[in-house]
N, C-alpha and C. Protein backbone atom coordinates (compact mmCIF):
# COMPACT_ATOMS: atom_id res chain seq x y z
N MET A 1 0.84 -1.34 -0.14
CA MET A 1 -0.08 -0.07 -0.43
C MET A 1 0.99 1.29 0.17
N PRO A 2 0.56 2.16 -0.96
CA PRO A 2 1.05 3.23 -1.06
C PRO A 2 1.38 4.43 0.53
N ALA A 3 2.17 5.25 0.57
CA ALA A 3 2.81 5.52 1.92
C ALA A 3 1.35 6.60 1.57
N ARG A 4 1.54 7.15 2.83
CA ARG A 4 0.45 8.63 2.29
C ARG A 4 1.12 9.90 2.59
N ASP A 5 1.32 11.12 1.07
CA ASP A 5 1.33 12.33 1.88
C ASP A 5 1.16 12.69 2.99
N VAL A 6 2.04 14.03 2.98
CA VAL A 6 2.17 14.34 4.79
C VAL A 6 1.01 15.46 4.79
N TYR A 7 0.40 15.71 3.22
CA TYR A 7 -0.85 16.17 3.51
C TYR A 7 -2.12 16.00 3.29
N HIS A 8 -2.19 14.68 3.08
CA HIS A 8 -3.33 13.68 2.78
C HIS A 8 -4.24 13.87 4.15
N GLN A 9 -4.57 13.97 4.90
CA GLN A 9 -5.33 14.31 6.13
C GLN A 9 -5.74 15.77 5.75
N ALA A 10 -5.17 16.85 5.73
CA ALA A 10 -5.81 17.91 5.53
C ALA A 10 -6.30 18.23 4.36
N VAL A 11 -6.08 17.14 3.21
CA VAL A 11 -6.64 17.41 2.32
C VAL A 11 -8.15 16.95 2.27
N LYS A 12 -8.05 15.63 2.88
CA LYS A 12 -9.26 14.78 3.01
C LYS A 12 -10.45 15.76 3.81
N PHE A 13 -9.46 16.13 4.60
CA PHE A 13 -10.66 16.78 5.68
C PHE A 13 -11.42 18.69 5.24
N ALA A 14 -10.67 18.86 4.35
CA ALA A 14 -10.86 20.38 3.49
C ALA A 14 -12.16 19.50 2.87
N LEU A 15 -12.18 18.57 1.93
CA LEU A 15 -12.98 18.30 1.32
C LEU A 15 -14.25 17.75 1.89
N ILE A 16 -14.08 17.18 3.02
CA ILE A 16 -15.56 16.34 3.74
C ILE A 16 -15.75 18.20 4.25
N LYS A 17 -14.92 19.45 4.49
CA LYS A 17 -15.77 20.38 5.06
C LYS A 17 -16.41 21.06 4.36
N ASP A 18 -15.66 21.15 2.83
CA ASP A 18 -16.64 21.58 1.38
C ASP A 18 -17.88 20.62 0.85
N GLY A 19 -17.92 19.99 1.87
CA GLY A 19 -19.48 18.82 1.35
C GLY A 19 -18.79 17.84 0.36
N TRP A 20 -18.03 17.31 0.60
CA TRP A 20 -18.13 16.18 -0.41
C TRP A 20 -17.81 14.95 0.22
N THR A 21 -18.10 13.87 0.04
CA THR A 21 -18.23 12.82 0.31
C THR A 21 -17.08 11.41 0.06
N ILE A 22 -16.37 11.59 1.03
CA ILE A 22 -15.35 10.35 0.59
C ILE A 22 -15.68 9.18 0.21
N LEU A 23 -15.43 8.58 -1.15
CA LEU A 23 -15.32 6.92 -1.42
C LEU A 23 -14.74 6.27 -1.41
N ALA A 24 -13.26 6.37 -0.87
CA ALA A 24 -12.47 5.55 -1.11
C ALA A 24 -11.51 5.92 -0.99
N GLU A 25 -9.71 5.90 -0.24
CA GLU A 25 -8.81 6.34 -0.01
C GLU A 25 -8.07 4.72 -0.29
N ASP A 26 -6.25 5.21 -0.96
CA ASP A 26 -6.24 3.90 -1.88
C ASP A 26 -7.18 3.67 -2.83
N TYR A 27 -7.24 4.61 -4.48
CA TYR A 27 -8.31 4.10 -5.04
C TYR A 27 -7.51 4.00 -6.39
N VAL A 28 -7.94 2.45 -6.83
CA VAL A 28 -7.12 1.99 -7.53
C VAL A 28 -7.84 2.18 -9.09
N LEU A 29 -6.98 1.77 -9.72
CA LEU A 29 -7.01 2.57 -11.41
C LEU A 29 -6.57 1.42 -12.17
N GLN A 30 -7.42 0.67 -13.15
CA GLN A 30 -6.78 -0.30 -13.61
C GLN A 30 -7.09 -0.63 -15.31
N TYR A 31 -6.09 -1.21 -15.82
CA TYR A 31 -6.34 -1.28 -17.37
C TYR A 31 -6.03 -2.26 -17.79
N GLY A 32 -6.41 -2.91 -18.44
CA GLY A 32 -5.96 -4.12 -18.86
C GLY A 32 -5.61 -5.39 -17.62
N GLU A 33 -4.47 -5.58 -17.87
CA GLU A 33 -4.56 -6.42 -16.90
C GLU A 33 -2.72 -5.60 -15.67
N ASP A 34 -3.53 -4.61 -15.78
CA ASP A 34 -1.90 -3.57 -15.33
C ASP A 34 -3.09 -2.61 -13.79
N LYS A 35 -2.70 -2.84 -12.85
CA LYS A 35 -3.10 -2.10 -11.66
C LYS A 35 -2.17 -0.99 -11.42
N VAL A 36 -3.16 0.19 -10.85
CA VAL A 36 -2.57 1.17 -10.22
C VAL A 36 -2.80 1.69 -8.95
N TYR A 37 -1.87 2.03 -8.43
CA TYR A 37 -2.68 3.22 -7.28
C TYR A 37 -2.65 4.53 -7.34
N ALA A 38 -3.38 5.84 -7.25
CA ALA A 38 -3.70 6.31 -8.44
C ALA A 38 -2.56 7.43 -7.20
N ASP A 39 -2.06 6.88 -6.50
CA ASP A 39 -1.15 7.46 -5.82
C ASP A 39 0.25 6.75 -5.54
N ILE A 40 1.00 6.01 -6.67
CA ILE A 40 2.15 5.32 -7.01
C ILE A 40 3.37 5.62 -5.94
N ALA A 41 3.71 6.98 -6.10
CA ALA A 41 4.46 7.47 -5.80
C ALA A 41 4.91 7.53 -3.85
N ALA A 42 3.63 6.95 -3.43
CA ALA A 42 4.32 7.10 -2.17
C ALA A 42 2.56 8.10 -1.53
N GLU A 43 2.00 8.64 -2.18
CA GLU A 43 1.69 9.44 -1.99
C GLU A 43 -0.34 9.10 -1.93
N GLN A 44 -0.98 9.65 -1.08
CA GLN A 44 -2.18 9.32 -1.14
C GLN A 44 -3.32 9.77 -2.20
N THR A 45 -4.06 8.87 -2.76
CA THR A 45 -5.23 9.29 -3.75
C THR A 45 -6.88 9.60 -2.44
N ILE A 46 -7.44 10.34 -2.91
CA ILE A 46 -8.83 10.54 -2.57
C ILE A 46 -9.97 10.39 -3.38
N ALA A 47 -10.90 9.49 -3.36
CA ALA A 47 -12.19 9.94 -4.47
C ALA A 47 -13.16 10.43 -3.64
N ALA A 48 -13.43 11.54 -4.24
CA ALA A 48 -14.79 11.88 -3.40
C ALA A 48 -15.88 12.43 -4.71
N GLN A 49 -17.29 12.72 -3.97
CA GLN A 49 -18.56 12.57 -5.53
C GLN A 49 -19.18 14.00 -4.06
N LYS A 50 -19.55 15.17 -4.97
CA LYS A 50 -20.30 16.52 -4.86
C LYS A 50 -21.21 16.35 -6.13
N GLN A 51 -22.46 16.59 -5.33
CA GLN A 51 -23.45 17.06 -6.98
C GLN A 51 -23.51 16.40 -7.91
N GLY A 52 -22.85 14.97 -7.93
CA GLY A 52 -23.17 14.39 -8.88
C GLY A 52 -21.55 13.99 -9.62
N ARG A 53 -20.62 14.87 -9.07
CA ARG A 53 -19.67 15.22 -9.48
C ARG A 53 -18.61 13.90 -8.91
N LYS A 54 -17.79 13.74 -9.75
CA LYS A 54 -16.78 12.23 -9.20
C LYS A 54 -15.10 13.04 -9.21
N ILE A 55 -15.01 12.63 -8.43
CA ILE A 55 -13.41 13.65 -8.19
C ILE A 55 -12.35 12.54 -7.85
N ILE A 56 -11.28 12.20 -8.80
CA ILE A 56 -10.06 11.97 -8.33
C ILE A 56 -8.69 12.94 -7.83
N VAL A 57 -8.45 13.01 -6.27
CA VAL A 57 -7.43 14.30 -5.89
C VAL A 57 -6.35 13.28 -5.84
N GLU A 58 -5.10 13.60 -6.55
CA GLU A 58 -3.65 13.43 -6.09
C GLU A 58 -2.49 14.46 -5.06
N VAL A 59 -2.29 13.48 -3.95
CA VAL A 59 -1.88 14.85 -3.10
C VAL A 59 -0.53 14.44 -3.37
N LYS A 60 -0.05 15.79 -3.32
CA LYS A 60 1.06 15.93 -3.44
C LYS A 60 1.59 17.09 -2.68
N SER A 61 3.27 16.93 -1.94
CA SER A 61 3.57 18.00 -0.81
C SER A 61 4.97 18.84 -1.26
N PHE A 62 5.23 18.48 -2.43
CA PHE A 62 6.46 19.00 -2.93
C PHE A 62 7.33 19.17 -1.74
N LEU A 63 7.62 18.56 -1.51
CA LEU A 63 8.98 18.90 -0.38
C LEU A 63 10.25 18.22 -0.60
N GLY A 64 10.22 17.47 -2.01
CA GLY A 64 12.17 16.83 -1.68
C GLY A 64 12.88 17.89 -2.50
N ARG A 65 13.93 17.71 -2.47
CA ARG A 65 15.32 18.64 -2.59
C ARG A 65 14.92 19.75 -4.12
N SER A 66 14.22 19.25 -4.77
CA SER A 66 14.25 19.58 -6.34
C SER A 66 13.07 19.79 -6.55
N PHE A 67 12.50 21.06 -6.77
CA PHE A 67 10.87 21.20 -7.54
C PHE A 67 10.66 20.26 -8.53
N ILE A 68 11.14 21.08 -9.39
CA ILE A 68 11.62 20.55 -11.29
C ILE A 68 11.42 18.66 -10.69
N ASN A 69 12.13 18.38 -10.31
CA ASN A 69 12.18 16.93 -9.72
C ASN A 69 10.83 16.12 -9.54
N ASP A 70 10.10 17.01 -8.42
CA ASP A 70 9.37 16.57 -7.64
C ASP A 70 7.75 16.91 -9.06
N LEU A 71 8.17 18.03 -9.60
CA LEU A 71 7.07 18.42 -10.71
C LEU A 71 6.76 17.15 -11.95
N GLU A 72 8.05 16.96 -12.29
CA GLU A 72 8.60 15.89 -13.09
C GLU A 72 7.50 14.61 -12.89
N GLY A 73 7.79 13.68 -11.42
CA GLY A 73 7.02 12.82 -10.98
C GLY A 73 5.48 12.94 -10.78
N ALA A 74 5.21 14.57 -10.22
CA ALA A 74 3.95 14.28 -10.15
C ALA A 74 2.91 14.83 -11.80
N VAL A 75 3.82 15.28 -12.26
CA VAL A 75 2.42 14.81 -13.52
C VAL A 75 2.89 13.82 -14.32
N GLY A 76 3.96 13.11 -14.36
CA GLY A 76 3.68 12.07 -15.22
C GLY A 76 2.67 10.68 -14.51
N GLN A 77 2.82 10.91 -12.84
CA GLN A 77 1.50 10.40 -12.31
C GLN A 77 0.67 10.98 -13.15
N TYR A 78 -0.26 11.99 -13.42
CA TYR A 78 -1.24 12.53 -13.13
C TYR A 78 -1.32 12.57 -14.77
N VAL A 79 -0.68 12.47 -15.59
CA VAL A 79 -0.88 11.91 -17.00
C VAL A 79 -1.20 10.90 -17.47
N ILE A 80 -0.79 9.37 -16.60
CA ILE A 80 -0.97 8.07 -16.28
C ILE A 80 -2.50 8.08 -15.95
N TYR A 81 -2.67 8.70 -14.64
CA TYR A 81 -3.99 8.54 -14.21
C TYR A 81 -5.29 8.69 -14.93
N ARG A 82 -4.47 10.23 -15.49
CA ARG A 82 -5.93 10.73 -16.13
C ARG A 82 -6.52 9.99 -17.40
N ASP A 83 -5.23 9.63 -18.30
CA ASP A 83 -5.36 9.18 -19.13
C ASP A 83 -5.84 7.51 -19.19
N ILE A 84 -5.84 6.69 -17.95
CA ILE A 84 -6.47 5.67 -17.44
C ILE A 84 -7.78 6.06 -17.56
N LEU A 85 -8.32 7.32 -16.52
CA LEU A 85 -9.61 7.44 -16.78
C LEU A 85 -10.36 7.67 -17.98
N GLU A 86 -9.54 8.26 -19.05
CA GLU A 86 -10.11 8.58 -19.97
C GLU A 86 -10.28 7.46 -20.91
N GLU A 87 -9.20 6.30 -21.10
CA GLU A 87 -9.14 5.24 -21.74
C GLU A 87 -10.54 4.23 -21.43
N THR A 88 -10.85 4.58 -20.01
CA THR A 88 -12.02 3.64 -19.44
C THR A 88 -13.24 4.22 -19.40
N ASN A 89 -13.70 4.86 -19.75
CA ASN A 89 -14.77 6.22 -19.92
C ASN A 89 -15.16 6.38 -18.59
N SER A 90 -14.39 7.32 -17.42
CA SER A 90 -14.55 6.79 -16.02
C SER A 90 -15.47 8.02 -15.97
N ASP A 91 -16.21 8.55 -15.02
CA ASP A 91 -17.00 10.07 -14.76
C ASP A 91 -16.17 10.04 -13.72
N PHE A 92 -14.82 10.03 -13.36
CA PHE A 92 -14.08 10.63 -12.55
C PHE A 92 -13.15 11.86 -13.10
N LYS A 93 -12.81 13.15 -12.91
CA LYS A 93 -11.95 14.15 -12.74
C LYS A 93 -11.30 14.26 -11.73
N ILE A 94 -9.68 14.34 -12.70
CA ILE A 94 -8.38 14.34 -11.62
C ILE A 94 -8.09 15.32 -12.08
N TYR A 95 -7.38 15.48 -9.82
CA TYR A 95 -7.10 17.23 -9.55
C TYR A 95 -5.60 16.45 -8.72
N LEU A 96 -4.62 17.93 -9.34
CA LEU A 96 -4.08 17.50 -8.54
C LEU A 96 -3.95 18.51 -7.40
N ALA A 97 -3.62 17.77 -5.84
CA ALA A 97 -4.00 18.33 -4.61
C ALA A 97 -2.53 19.17 -4.35
N ILE A 98 -2.03 20.66 -4.05
CA ILE A 98 -0.81 21.19 -3.35
C ILE A 98 -1.48 22.38 -2.61
N THR A 99 -0.54 22.87 -1.71
CA THR A 99 -0.54 23.32 -1.02
C THR A 99 -0.84 25.31 -1.00
N LYS A 100 -1.22 26.05 -0.41
CA LYS A 100 -1.03 27.14 -1.28
C LYS A 100 -0.19 27.81 -1.10
N ALA A 101 1.22 27.61 -0.34
CA ALA A 101 2.03 27.72 -0.61
C ALA A 101 3.41 27.32 -1.92
N VAL A 102 3.15 26.29 -1.81
CA VAL A 102 3.61 25.67 -3.08
C VAL A 102 3.27 26.30 -4.05
N TYR A 103 1.89 26.75 -4.43
CA TYR A 103 1.31 27.01 -5.45
C TYR A 103 1.95 28.82 -5.36
N LYS A 104 1.96 29.45 -4.80
CA LYS A 104 2.68 30.76 -4.35
C LYS A 104 3.91 30.66 -4.95
N ASN A 105 4.67 30.02 -4.26
CA ASN A 105 6.41 29.91 -4.55
C ASN A 105 6.54 29.15 -5.87
N ASN A 106 5.72 28.51 -6.50
CA ASN A 106 6.59 27.13 -7.54
C ASN A 106 5.81 27.64 -8.08
N PHE A 107 4.41 27.58 -8.82
CA PHE A 107 3.99 27.43 -9.40
C PHE A 107 3.45 28.60 -10.73
N GLN A 108 4.28 29.61 -10.09
CA GLN A 108 3.62 30.41 -10.77
C GLN A 108 5.23 30.92 -11.61
N ARG A 109 5.81 29.94 -11.77
CA ARG A 109 7.08 29.58 -12.06
C ARG A 109 6.93 29.40 -13.74
N LYS A 110 7.74 30.05 -14.92
CA LYS A 110 7.13 30.09 -16.45
C LYS A 110 6.79 28.74 -16.76
N LEU A 111 8.05 27.76 -16.08
CA LEU A 111 7.84 26.14 -16.75
C LEU A 111 7.14 25.62 -16.41
N ALA A 112 6.67 25.95 -14.78
CA ALA A 112 5.56 25.31 -14.22
C ALA A 112 3.98 25.69 -14.82
N GLN A 113 4.03 27.09 -15.44
CA GLN A 113 2.63 28.08 -15.75
C GLN A 113 2.48 26.78 -17.12
N THR A 114 3.98 26.66 -17.98
CA THR A 114 3.68 26.26 -19.38
C THR A 114 3.02 24.47 -19.52
N ILE A 115 4.25 23.74 -18.19
CA ILE A 115 3.38 22.47 -18.11
C ILE A 115 2.05 22.40 -17.47
N LEU A 116 1.81 22.88 -16.60
CA LEU A 116 0.52 23.16 -16.08
C LEU A 116 -0.61 23.68 -17.59
N LYS A 117 -0.82 24.20 -18.43
CA LYS A 117 -1.17 24.68 -19.57
C LYS A 117 -1.47 23.35 -20.41
N ARG A 118 -0.10 23.11 -20.99
CA ARG A 118 0.17 21.99 -21.87
C ARG A 118 -0.87 20.44 -21.85
N ASN A 119 -0.56 20.54 -20.43
CA ASN A 119 -1.10 19.15 -19.81
C ASN A 119 -2.37 18.83 -19.30
N GLN A 120 -2.93 20.46 -19.41
CA GLN A 120 -4.20 20.56 -18.83
C GLN A 120 -4.22 19.73 -17.20
N ILE A 121 -3.73 20.78 -16.48
CA ILE A 121 -3.34 19.57 -15.18
C ILE A 121 -4.73 20.62 -14.46
N ASN A 122 -5.27 20.00 -13.62
CA ASN A 122 -6.29 20.73 -12.71
C ASN A 122 -5.83 20.76 -11.33
N LEU A 123 -6.02 21.81 -10.65
CA LEU A 123 -5.09 21.94 -9.39
C LEU A 123 -6.38 22.21 -8.28
N LEU A 124 -6.02 21.91 -7.48
CA LEU A 124 -6.59 22.38 -5.90
C LEU A 124 -6.23 22.39 -4.88
N ILE A 125 -6.13 23.66 -4.64
CA ILE A 125 -5.29 24.50 -3.54
C ILE A 125 -5.82 24.51 -2.36
N ILE A 126 -5.32 24.05 -1.65
CA ILE A 126 -5.47 24.27 0.08
C ILE A 126 -4.63 24.70 0.79
N GLU A 127 -5.73 25.25 1.77
CA GLU A 127 -4.20 25.71 3.02
C GLU A 127 -4.73 24.68 4.21
N PRO A 128 -3.08 23.61 4.42
CA PRO A 128 -3.35 23.25 5.15
C PRO A 128 -3.59 23.03 6.39
N GLU A 129 -3.50 24.27 7.74
CA GLU A 129 -3.45 24.40 8.71
C GLU A 129 -4.59 24.42 9.20
N ASN A 130 -5.45 25.13 8.34
CA ASN A 130 -7.10 25.31 8.59
C ASN A 130 -7.76 24.16 8.14
N GLU A 131 -7.40 23.15 7.32
CA GLU A 131 -7.84 22.13 6.14
C GLU A 131 -9.32 22.98 5.22
N VAL A 132 -8.71 23.65 4.97
CA VAL A 132 -9.98 24.07 3.38
C VAL A 132 -9.54 24.12 2.17
N ILE A 133 -10.19 24.30 1.55
CA ILE A 133 -10.17 24.41 -0.16
C ILE A 133 -9.86 26.05 -0.52
N GLU A 134 -8.53 26.70 -1.21
CA GLU A 134 -8.55 27.84 -0.99
C GLU A 134 -8.84 28.22 -2.65
N GLN A 135 -8.98 26.83 -3.46
CA GLN A 135 -9.59 27.57 -5.07
C GLN A 135 -8.90 26.34 -5.69
N TRP A 136 -9.85 26.07 -6.70
CA TRP A 136 -10.47 25.05 -7.65
C TRP A 136 -9.39 25.62 -9.22
N ILE A 137 -8.75 25.22 -9.31
CA ILE A 137 -8.13 25.82 -11.13
C ILE A 137 -8.17 24.70 -12.23
N GLU A 138 -8.76 24.91 -13.12
CA GLU A 138 -8.90 23.94 -14.18
C GLU A 138 -8.99 24.84 -15.75
């Protein structure tokens, strides 16, 4: 079982506070004979549903030595999971959850903005101390 990201609980509680129902943690995506946990790199995924919308949230802390290295891993996972969801005609939409601080300090960089745009990455920005959602970016 994948290890949980340090912000896993904060994201989970922020979603609950925002009115989401948690359907599963450690959500499994299967494609053909392959199964992946939507958080293969030791972070936790949350699946939730609100008003008929279903989402998968990939939680990332970006606490590694290199933001670019963490970004490469996060984007790779996001694209793989998104592609599986599309290929299986899933009604889930995927989001990458990051903290407000990470968004302000790192995701404003030109390279990060380009990668987000080109890969059509949806973001869920949280404030972890108060466990609240700050912003949804699609």
